[in-house]
Amino acid sequence: MDRKMANRKLIRLSQLKSKLAAENLEEIDWVTFGVIVKKVTPQSANNGRTFSIWRLNDLRDLNQCVLLFLFGEVHKEHWKTDQGTV
């Protein structure tokens, strides 16, 4: 993990909103981690394609969550991922 994180900045999910407002994250090599705290049953879009919605949290502040929408191949590959997965 140390090797993978070398020269990268860790930004906690609970800090993401404030960091996006204060910094230009496009110029930084950063990483975040999240736990799937809730999954919504896969939905169908107006175009008939199925997608998933995950609620992610860093377990520091349970009131600060990020919604992740999974479409296309990402949805097909990961929609069965269990709640509680990091």
C-alpha atoms as a PDB file:
ATOM      1  CA  MET A   1       0.000   0.000   0.000  1.00  0.00           C
ATOM      2  CA  ASP A   2       2.878   2.369   0.765  1.00  0.00           C
ATOM      3  CA  ARG A   3       4.187   1.879  -2.762  1.00  0.00           C
ATOM      4  CA  LYS A   4       0.766   2.504  -4.338  1.00  0.00           C
ATOM      5  CA  MET A   5       0.272   5.652  -2.237  1.00  0.00           C
ATOM      6  CA  ALA A   6       3.735   7.106  -2.904  1.00  0.00           C
ATOM      7  CA  ASN A   7       3.454  10.711  -4.139  1.00  0.00           C
ATOM      8  CA  ARG A   8      -0.338  10.675  -3.817  1.00  0.00           C
ATOM      9  CA  LYS A   9      -2.474  12.757  -1.515  1.00  0.00           C
ATOM     10  CA  LEU A  10      -5.156  11.020   0.565  1.00  0.00           C
ATOM     11  CA  ILE A  11      -8.417  12.948   0.659  1.00  0.00           C
ATOM     12  CA  ARG A  12     -11.084  11.500   2.931  1.00  0.00           C
ATOM     13  CA  LEU A  13     -14.579  11.292   1.474  1.00  0.00           C
ATOM     14  CA  SER A  14     -15.848  13.452   4.335  1.00  0.00           C
ATOM     15  CA  GLN A  15     -13.354  16.165   3.228  1.00  0.00           C
ATOM     16  CA  LEU A  16     -14.014  15.904  -0.492  1.00  0.00           C
ATOM     17  CA  LYS A  17     -16.588  18.698  -0.783  1.00  0.00           C
ATOM     18  CA  SER A  18     -14.414  21.233   1.038  1.00  0.00           C
ATOM     19  CA  LYS A  19     -11.282  20.161  -0.871  1.00  0.00           C
ATOM     20  CA  LEU A  20     -13.087  20.530  -4.211  1.00  0.00           C
ATOM     21  CA  ALA A  21     -14.046  24.075  -3.242  1.00  0.00           C
ATOM     22  CA  ALA A  22     -10.577  25.032  -2.018  1.00  0.00           C
ATOM     23  CA  GLU A  23      -8.170  23.225  -4.352  1.00  0.00           C
ATOM     24  CA  ASN A  24      -7.812  22.348  -8.015  1.00  0.00           C
ATOM     25  CA  LEU A  25      -7.784  18.563  -7.645  1.00  0.00           C
ATOM     26  CA  GLU A  26      -7.216  18.076 -11.367  1.00  0.00           C
ATOM     27  CA  GLU A  27      -3.602  19.116 -10.795  1.00  0.00           C
ATOM     28  CA  ILE A  28      -3.028  16.739  -7.861  1.00  0.00           C
ATOM     29  CA  ASP A  29      -2.536  12.969  -7.877  1.00  0.00           C
ATOM     30  CA  TRP A  30      -5.033  12.092  -5.154  1.00  0.00           C
ATOM     31  CA  VAL A  31      -6.892   9.057  -3.912  1.00  0.00           C
ATOM     32  CA  THR A  32      -9.842   8.389  -1.657  1.00  0.00           C
ATOM     33  CA  PHE A  33     -11.338   5.340   0.003  1.00  0.00           C
ATOM     34  CA  GLY A  34     -14.953   4.604   0.736  1.00  0.00           C
ATOM     35  CA  VAL A  35     -17.160   1.926   2.185  1.00  0.00           C
ATOM     36  CA  ILE A  36     -20.414   1.039   0.452  1.00  0.00           C
ATOM     37  CA  VAL A  37     -22.873   1.876   3.226  1.00  0.00           C
ATOM     38  CA  LYS A  38     -25.997   1.563   1.091  1.00  0.00           C
ATOM     39  CA  LYS A  39     -26.917   0.193  -2.301  1.00  0.00           C
ATOM     40  CA  VAL A  40     -30.096   1.056  -4.173  1.00  0.00           C
ATOM     41  CA  THR A  41     -31.712  -1.716  -6.216  1.00  0.00           C
ATOM     42  CA  PRO A  42     -30.491  -1.339  -9.828  1.00  0.00           C
ATOM     43  CA  GLN A  43     -32.595   1.194 -11.741  1.00  0.00           C
ATOM     44  CA  SER A  44     -33.542   1.568 -15.406  1.00  0.00           C
ATOM     45  CA  ALA A  45     -32.802   4.843 -17.137  1.00  0.00           C
ATOM     46  CA  ASN A  46     -35.178   6.379 -19.698  1.00  0.00           C
ATOM     47  CA  ASN A  47     -33.068   4.834 -22.444  1.00  0.00           C
ATOM     48  CA  GLY A  48     -33.623   1.346 -20.975  1.00  0.00           C
ATOM     49  CA  ARG A  49     -30.097   0.897 -19.667  1.00  0.00           C
ATOM     50  CA  THR A  50     -29.623  -0.312 -16.116  1.00  0.00           C
ATOM     51  CA  PHE A  51     -27.487   1.496 -13.567  1.00  0.00           C
ATOM     52  CA  SER A  52     -26.644   1.269  -9.863  1.00  0.00           C
ATOM     53  CA  ILE A  53     -26.361   3.863  -7.117  1.00  0.00           C
ATOM     54  CA  TRP A  54     -24.049   3.369  -4.154  1.00  0.00           C
ATOM     55  CA  ARG A  55     -23.810   5.554  -1.062  1.00  0.00           C
ATOM     56  CA  LEU A  56     -20.160   5.739   0.051  1.00  0.00           C
ATOM     57  CA  ASN A  57     -18.762   6.906   3.379  1.00  0.00           C
ATOM     58  CA  ASP A  58     -15.337   6.995   5.039  1.00  0.00           C
ATOM     59  CA  LEU A  59     -16.797   6.031   8.459  1.00  0.00           C
ATOM     60  CA  ARG A  60     -15.477   9.249  10.027  1.00  0.00           C
ATOM     61  CA  ASP A  61     -18.612  11.329   9.580  1.00  0.00           C
ATOM     62  CA  LEU A  62     -21.690   9.251   8.794  1.00  0.00           C
ATOM     63  CA  ASN A  63     -23.555  12.393   7.711  1.00  0.00           C
ATOM     64  CA  GLN A  64     -21.093  13.039   4.861  1.00  0.00           C
ATOM     65  CA  CYS A  65     -21.763  10.586   2.036  1.00  0.00           C
ATOM     66  CA  VAL A  66     -20.963  10.515  -1.655  1.00  0.00           C
ATOM     67  CA  LEU A  67     -23.370   9.013  -4.170  1.00  0.00           C
ATOM     68  CA  LEU A  68     -21.677   6.990  -6.881  1.00  0.00           C
ATOM     69  CA  PHE A  69     -23.639   6.191 -10.048  1.00  0.00           C
ATOM     70  CA  LEU A  70     -22.436   3.144 -11.995  1.00  0.00           C
ATOM     71  CA  PHE A  71     -23.328   2.891 -15.683  1.00  0.00           C
ATOM     72  CA  GLY A  72     -22.456   0.640 -18.621  1.00  0.00           C
ATOM     73  CA  GLU A  73     -19.633  -1.844 -18.219  1.00  0.00           C
ATOM     74  CA  VAL A  74     -18.829  -0.585 -14.712  1.00  0.00           C
ATOM     75  CA  HIS A  75     -22.397  -1.367 -13.626  1.00  0.00           C
ATOM     76  CA  LYS A  76     -22.296  -4.813 -15.287  1.00  0.00           C
ATOM     77  CA  GLU A  77     -18.999  -5.686 -13.627  1.00  0.00           C
ATOM     78  CA  HIS A  78     -19.690  -4.353 -10.126  1.00  0.00           C
ATOM     79  CA  TRP A  79     -23.445  -4.268  -9.408  1.00  0.00           C
ATOM     80  CA  LYS A  80     -23.251  -7.417  -7.254  1.00  0.00           C
ATOM     81  CA  THR A  81     -20.566  -5.932  -4.958  1.00  0.00           C
ATOM     82  CA  ASP A  82     -21.673  -6.348  -1.354  1.00  0.00           C
ATOM     83  CA  GLN A  83     -22.617  -3.534   0.973  1.00  0.00           C
ATOM     84  CA  GLY A  84     -19.753  -3.022   3.433  1.00  0.00           C
ATOM     85  CA  THR A  85     -17.085  -3.485   0.767  1.00  0.00           C
ATOM     86  CA  VAL A  86     -14.227  -0.963   0.733  1.00  0.00           C
END
